[in-house]
Amino acid sequence: MSHILLISGSLRDGSTNTAAIRTAQLVAPGGVTTSIYEGMGSLPHFNPDDELDESVHAAVKDLRARMSAADGVLICTPEYAGALPGSLKNLLEWTVGDGSTYGKPIAWINVSGPAAPTGGDDAHESLRKVLGYVNANVIESACLRLPLTRAAVADDGTIHDPSTQGQISAALSRLAAAST
């Protein structure tokens, strides 16, 4: 059994990134459990003076515990201003001091729609750079480019297209295989 932590890099309501993460939870293959991390908006701004303090913020303690308990991590993030969103970088910065990403198998799904100027490539290049600094193990075979529009998101906040679901499930399978 492999446990994958699912993280959306978007705080936006109705986000296609969050829909992809919810869909990943829905279509997780046998032998894979998932949980969605929803605390990104509660994390304080990263301050190195606070990261090892015994009184570290409860949201940081929760993030670190969930990251440590996961066998792998799947991230789906938008691109803002030519890079990954600051809130996601903040989340990753909180994982540096405790080493919870060190060697951790991590993959991403890129759902940037066809109208996105770079197709989300800049966000994923900056994500790759940050993951390198936190010593994560990027599982390239589990990374997926899957352009979506908001019209693909159903009323329940997931993606119902069988082909899309199959691709997300396959990416989770590859990530889980690298996590054992």
C-alpha atoms as a PDB file:
ATOM      1  CA  MET A   1       0.000   0.000   0.000  1.00  0.00           C
ATOM      2  CA  SER A   2       1.329   3.394  -0.988  1.00  0.00           C
ATOM      3  CA  HIS A   3       0.015   6.700   0.344  1.00  0.00           C
ATOM      4  CA  ILE A   4       0.178   9.764  -1.929  1.00  0.00           C
ATOM      5  CA  LEU A   5      -0.318  13.297  -0.637  1.00  0.00           C
ATOM      6  CA  LEU A   6      -2.159  15.440  -3.197  1.00  0.00           C
ATOM      7  CA  ILE A   7      -1.431  19.187  -3.317  1.00  0.00           C
ATOM      8  CA  SER A   8      -3.116  21.834  -5.448  1.00  0.00           C
ATOM      9  CA  GLY A   9      -0.945  24.889  -5.978  1.00  0.00           C
ATOM     10  CA  SER A  10      -4.048  27.030  -6.446  1.00  0.00           C
ATOM     11  CA  LEU A  11      -6.101  28.775  -3.792  1.00  0.00           C
ATOM     12  CA  ARG A  12      -8.766  29.758  -6.357  1.00  0.00           C
ATOM     13  CA  ASP A  13     -12.319  28.449  -6.050  1.00  0.00           C
ATOM     14  CA  GLY A  14     -13.187  26.332  -9.066  1.00  0.00           C
ATOM     15  CA  SER A  15      -9.544  25.791  -9.987  1.00  0.00           C
ATOM     16  CA  THR A  16      -8.803  23.213 -12.681  1.00  0.00           C
ATOM     17  CA  ASN A  17      -5.707  22.324 -10.641  1.00  0.00           C
ATOM     18  CA  THR A  18      -7.806  21.480  -7.604  1.00  0.00           C
ATOM     19  CA  ALA A  19     -10.241  19.578  -9.856  1.00  0.00           C
ATOM     20  CA  ALA A  20      -7.345  17.455 -11.122  1.00  0.00           C
ATOM     21  CA  ILE A  21      -6.270  16.720  -7.532  1.00  0.00           C
ATOM     22  CA  ARG A  22      -9.829  15.790  -6.524  1.00  0.00           C
ATOM     23  CA  THR A  23     -10.036  13.571  -9.594  1.00  0.00           C
ATOM     24  CA  ALA A  24      -6.758  11.885  -8.603  1.00  0.00           C
ATOM     25  CA  GLN A  25      -8.332  11.012  -5.268  1.00  0.00           C
ATOM     26  CA  LEU A  26     -11.396   9.656  -7.053  1.00  0.00           C
ATOM     27  CA  VAL A  27      -9.464   7.452  -9.513  1.00  0.00           C
ATOM     28  CA  ALA A  28      -6.610   6.261  -7.309  1.00  0.00           C
ATOM     29  CA  PRO A  29      -5.715   2.729  -8.396  1.00  0.00           C
ATOM     30  CA  GLY A  30      -5.881  -0.281  -6.088  1.00  0.00           C
ATOM     31  CA  GLY A  31      -3.109  -0.331  -3.524  1.00  0.00           C
ATOM     32  CA  VAL A  32      -2.887   3.468  -3.481  1.00  0.00           C
ATOM     33  CA  THR A  33      -4.441   5.674  -0.834  1.00  0.00           C
ATOM     34  CA  THR A  34      -4.527   9.449  -1.136  1.00  0.00           C
ATOM     35  CA  SER A  35      -5.240  12.500   0.940  1.00  0.00           C
ATOM     36  CA  ILE A  36      -5.642  16.088  -0.181  1.00  0.00           C
ATOM     37  CA  TYR A  37      -3.635  18.747   1.619  1.00  0.00           C
ATOM     38  CA  GLU A  38      -5.906  21.770   2.009  1.00  0.00           C
ATOM     39  CA  GLY A  39      -3.905  23.894   4.452  1.00  0.00           C
ATOM     40  CA  MET A  40      -1.763  25.929   2.056  1.00  0.00           C
ATOM     41  CA  GLY A  41      -3.762  29.108   2.655  1.00  0.00           C
ATOM     42  CA  SER A  42      -3.236  28.763   6.423  1.00  0.00           C
ATOM     43  CA  LEU A  43       0.546  28.576   6.327  1.00  0.00           C
ATOM     44  CA  PRO A  44       2.327  31.651   7.668  1.00  0.00           C
ATOM     45  CA  HIS A  45       4.929  33.358   5.507  1.00  0.00           C
ATOM     46  CA  PHE A  46       8.145  31.385   5.668  1.00  0.00           C
ATOM     47  CA  ASN A  47      10.695  32.824   8.073  1.00  0.00           C
ATOM     48  CA  PRO A  48      13.884  30.822   8.678  1.00  0.00           C
ATOM     49  CA  ASP A  49      13.977  32.131  12.243  1.00  0.00           C
ATOM     50  CA  ASP A  50      10.727  30.290  12.949  1.00  0.00           C
ATOM     51  CA  GLU A  51      11.237  27.021  11.087  1.00  0.00           C
ATOM     52  CA  LEU A  52      12.947  25.031  13.831  1.00  0.00           C
ATOM     53  CA  ASP A  53      11.334  26.808  16.744  1.00  0.00           C
ATOM     54  CA  GLU A  54       9.480  24.529  19.170  1.00  0.00           C
ATOM     55  CA  SER A  55       6.491  26.819  18.849  1.00  0.00           C
ATOM     56  CA  VAL A  56       6.289  26.525  15.052  1.00  0.00           C
ATOM     57  CA  HIS A  57       2.819  27.359  13.723  1.00  0.00           C
ATOM     58  CA  ALA A  58       0.265  24.513  13.915  1.00  0.00           C
ATOM     59  CA  ALA A  59      -0.313  24.664  10.139  1.00  0.00           C
ATOM     60  CA  VAL A  60       3.410  24.071   9.561  1.00  0.00           C
ATOM     61  CA  LYS A  61       3.425  21.136  11.994  1.00  0.00           C
ATOM     62  CA  ASP A  62       0.451  19.629  10.143  1.00  0.00           C
ATOM     63  CA  LEU A  63       2.104  20.095   6.733  1.00  0.00           C
ATOM     64  CA  ARG A  64       5.352  18.513   7.902  1.00  0.00           C
ATOM     65  CA  ALA A  65       3.563  15.571   9.518  1.00  0.00           C
ATOM     66  CA  ARG A  66       1.486  14.905   6.409  1.00  0.00           C
ATOM     67  CA  MET A  67       4.484  15.278   4.110  1.00  0.00           C
ATOM     68  CA  SER A  68       6.566  12.918   6.270  1.00  0.00           C
ATOM     69  CA  ALA A  69       3.778  10.321   6.416  1.00  0.00           C
ATOM     70  CA  ALA A  70       3.299  10.267   2.640  1.00  0.00           C
ATOM     71  CA  ASP A  71       5.142   7.796   0.443  1.00  0.00           C
ATOM     72  CA  GLY A  72       4.911  10.254  -2.458  1.00  0.00           C
ATOM     73  CA  VAL A  73       3.451  13.621  -3.427  1.00  0.00           C
ATOM     74  CA  LEU A  74       1.470  14.694  -6.484  1.00  0.00           C
ATOM     75  CA  ILE A  75       1.300  18.445  -7.152  1.00  0.00           C
ATOM     76  CA  CYS A  76      -0.923  20.237  -9.620  1.00  0.00           C
ATOM     77  CA  THR A  77      -0.094  23.920  -9.887  1.00  0.00           C
ATOM     78  CA  PRO A  78      -0.955  26.902 -12.059  1.00  0.00           C
ATOM     79  CA  GLU A  79       1.538  29.409 -13.359  1.00  0.00           C
ATOM     80  CA  TYR A  80       1.394  32.975 -12.029  1.00  0.00           C
ATOM     81  CA  ALA A  81       3.684  35.741 -13.254  1.00  0.00           C
ATOM     82  CA  GLY A  82       5.877  33.222 -15.079  1.00  0.00           C
ATOM     83  CA  ALA A  83       6.543  30.883 -12.150  1.00  0.00           C
ATOM     84  CA  LEU A  84       4.867  28.708  -9.565  1.00  0.00           C
ATOM     85  CA  PRO A  85       2.553  30.614  -7.206  1.00  0.00           C
ATOM     86  CA  GLY A  86       4.175  32.166  -4.145  1.00  0.00           C
ATOM     87  CA  SER A  87       1.824  30.243  -1.847  1.00  0.00           C
ATOM     88  CA  LEU A  88       3.122  26.912  -3.188  1.00  0.00           C
ATOM     89  CA  LYS A  89       6.738  28.034  -2.929  1.00  0.00           C
ATOM     90  CA  ASN A  90       6.001  29.080   0.645  1.00  0.00           C
ATOM     91  CA  LEU A  91       4.654  25.577   1.339  1.00  0.00           C
ATOM     92  CA  LEU A  92       7.806  23.990  -0.080  1.00  0.00           C
ATOM     93  CA  GLU A  93      10.068  26.356   1.873  1.00  0.00           C
ATOM     94  CA  TRP A  94       8.502  25.082   5.099  1.00  0.00           C
ATOM     95  CA  THR A  95       9.689  21.556   4.173  1.00  0.00           C
ATOM     96  CA  VAL A  96      13.382  22.474   3.930  1.00  0.00           C
ATOM     97  CA  GLY A  97      14.240  22.491   7.641  1.00  0.00           C
ATOM     98  CA  ASP A  98      12.609  19.190   8.563  1.00  0.00           C
ATOM     99  CA  GLY A  99      13.788  17.265   5.494  1.00  0.00           C
ATOM    100  CA  SER A 100      10.311  15.850   4.797  1.00  0.00           C
ATOM    101  CA  THR A 101      10.867  16.127   1.036  1.00  0.00           C
ATOM    102  CA  TYR A 102      14.387  14.674   1.058  1.00  0.00           C
ATOM    103  CA  GLY A 103      14.325  11.768  -1.396  1.00  0.00           C
ATOM    104  CA  LYS A 104      10.520  11.920  -1.482  1.00  0.00           C
ATOM    105  CA  PRO A 105       9.070  10.796  -4.838  1.00  0.00           C
ATOM    106  CA  ILE A 106       7.179  13.771  -6.261  1.00  0.00           C
ATOM    107  CA  ALA A 107       5.409  14.299  -9.585  1.00  0.00           C
ATOM    108  CA  TRP A 108       3.162  16.940 -11.054  1.00  0.00           C
ATOM    109  CA  ILE A 109       0.268  17.292 -13.398  1.00  0.00           C
ATOM    110  CA  ASN A 110       0.155  20.354 -15.630  1.00  0.00           C
ATOM    111  CA  VAL A 111      -3.441  21.280 -16.558  1.00  0.00           C
ATOM    112  CA  SER A 112      -2.717  24.688 -18.124  1.00  0.00           C
ATOM    113  CA  GLY A 113      -5.297  25.266 -20.821  1.00  0.00           C
ATOM    114  CA  PRO A 114      -4.570  25.807 -24.481  1.00  0.00           C
ATOM    115  CA  ALA A 115      -4.711  29.607 -24.054  1.00  0.00           C
ATOM    116  CA  ALA A 116      -1.851  29.684 -21.508  1.00  0.00           C
ATOM    117  CA  PRO A 117       1.109  31.528 -23.076  1.00  0.00           C
ATOM    118  CA  THR A 118       3.740  28.962 -22.022  1.00  0.00           C
ATOM    119  CA  GLY A 119       1.449  26.023 -21.326  1.00  0.00           C
ATOM    120  CA  GLY A 120       2.540  26.179 -17.689  1.00  0.00           C
ATOM    121  CA  ASP A 121       6.128  25.288 -18.586  1.00  0.00           C
ATOM    122  CA  ASP A 122       7.588  28.180 -16.588  1.00  0.00           C
ATOM    123  CA  ALA A 123       5.730  27.105 -13.440  1.00  0.00           C
ATOM    124  CA  HIS A 124       7.031  23.583 -13.768  1.00  0.00           C
ATOM    125  CA  GLU A 125      10.585  24.688 -14.460  1.00  0.00           C
ATOM    126  CA  SER A 126      10.521  26.806 -11.299  1.00  0.00           C
ATOM    127  CA  LEU A 127       8.877  23.910  -9.423  1.00  0.00           C
ATOM    128  CA  ARG A 128      11.630  21.581 -10.668  1.00  0.00           C
ATOM    129  CA  LYS A 129      14.247  24.048  -9.409  1.00  0.00           C
ATOM    130  CA  VAL A 130      12.662  24.328  -5.957  1.00  0.00           C
ATOM    131  CA  LEU A 131      12.209  20.543  -5.721  1.00  0.00           C
ATOM    132  CA  GLY A 132      15.912  20.195  -6.486  1.00  0.00           C
ATOM    133  CA  TYR A 133      16.758  22.462  -3.567  1.00  0.00           C
ATOM    134  CA  VAL A 134      14.569  20.446  -1.187  1.00  0.00           C
ATOM    135  CA  ASN A 135      16.168  17.218  -2.479  1.00  0.00           C
ATOM    136  CA  ALA A 136      12.922  15.722  -3.752  1.00  0.00           C
ATOM    137  CA  ASN A 137      13.005  12.803  -6.180  1.00  0.00           C
ATOM    138  CA  VAL A 138      11.088  13.997  -9.261  1.00  0.00           C
ATOM    139  CA  ILE A 139       9.486  10.992 -10.965  1.00  0.00           C
ATOM    140  CA  GLU A 140       9.474  12.143 -14.581  1.00  0.00           C
ATOM    141  CA  SER A 141       7.435   9.167 -15.797  1.00  0.00           C
ATOM    142  CA  ALA A 142       4.602  10.240 -13.483  1.00  0.00           C
ATOM    143  CA  CYS A 143       4.612  13.906 -14.589  1.00  0.00           C
ATOM    144  CA  LEU A 144       1.773  14.661 -16.954  1.00  0.00           C
ATOM    145  CA  ARG A 145       0.735  17.493 -19.287  1.00  0.00           C
ATOM    146  CA  LEU A 146      -3.047  17.467 -19.469  1.00  0.00           C
ATOM    147  CA  PRO A 147      -4.508  20.751 -20.836  1.00  0.00           C
ATOM    148  CA  LEU A 148      -7.930  21.459 -19.336  1.00  0.00           C
ATOM    149  CA  THR A 149     -10.428  24.271 -19.432  1.00  0.00           C
ATOM    150  CA  ARG A 150     -12.872  25.150 -16.668  1.00  0.00           C
ATOM    151  CA  ALA A 151     -15.624  23.627 -18.801  1.00  0.00           C
ATOM    152  CA  ALA A 152     -14.048  20.211 -18.091  1.00  0.00           C
ATOM    153  CA  VAL A 153     -14.801  20.579 -14.358  1.00  0.00           C
ATOM    154  CA  ALA A 154     -18.119  19.053 -13.349  1.00  0.00           C
ATOM    155  CA  ASP A 155     -20.432  20.468 -10.689  1.00  0.00           C
ATOM    156  CA  ASP A 156     -18.883  18.139  -8.087  1.00  0.00           C
ATOM    157  CA  GLY A 157     -15.440  19.709  -8.646  1.00  0.00           C
ATOM    158  CA  THR A 158     -13.925  16.726 -10.466  1.00  0.00           C
ATOM    159  CA  ILE A 159     -13.226  15.854 -14.073  1.00  0.00           C
ATOM    160  CA  HIS A 160     -15.545  13.187 -15.481  1.00  0.00           C
ATOM    161  CA  ASP A 161     -13.888  12.609 -18.853  1.00  0.00           C
ATOM    162  CA  PRO A 162     -12.830   8.911 -18.859  1.00  0.00           C
ATOM    163  CA  SER A 163      -9.644   9.562 -20.861  1.00  0.00           C
ATOM    164  CA  THR A 164      -8.537  12.279 -18.443  1.00  0.00           C
ATOM    165  CA  GLN A 165      -9.363  10.087 -15.461  1.00  0.00           C
ATOM    166  CA  GLY A 166      -7.362   7.235 -16.983  1.00  0.00           C
ATOM    167  CA  GLN A 167      -4.313   9.427 -17.532  1.00  0.00           C
ATOM    168  CA  ILE A 168      -4.440  10.742 -13.965  1.00  0.00           C
ATOM    169  CA  SER A 169      -4.839   7.213 -12.577  1.00  0.00           C
ATOM    170  CA  ALA A 170      -1.875   6.006 -14.643  1.00  0.00           C
ATOM    171  CA  ALA A 171       0.284   8.899 -13.366  1.00  0.00           C
ATOM    172  CA  LEU A 172      -0.645   7.959  -9.785  1.00  0.00           C
ATOM    173  CA  SER A 173       0.272   4.324 -10.498  1.00  0.00           C
ATOM    174  CA  ARG A 174       3.711   5.346 -11.770  1.00  0.00           C
ATOM    175  CA  LEU A 175       4.280   7.621  -8.779  1.00  0.00           C
ATOM    176  CA  ALA A 176       3.165   4.907  -6.358  1.00  0.00           C
ATOM    177  CA  ALA A 177       5.481   2.379  -8.020  1.00  0.00           C
ATOM    178  CA  ALA A 178       8.403   4.741  -7.450  1.00  0.00           C
ATOM    179  CA  SER A 179       7.308   5.259  -3.836  1.00  0.00           C
ATOM    180  CA  THR A 180       7.724   1.671  -2.702  1.00  0.00           C
END
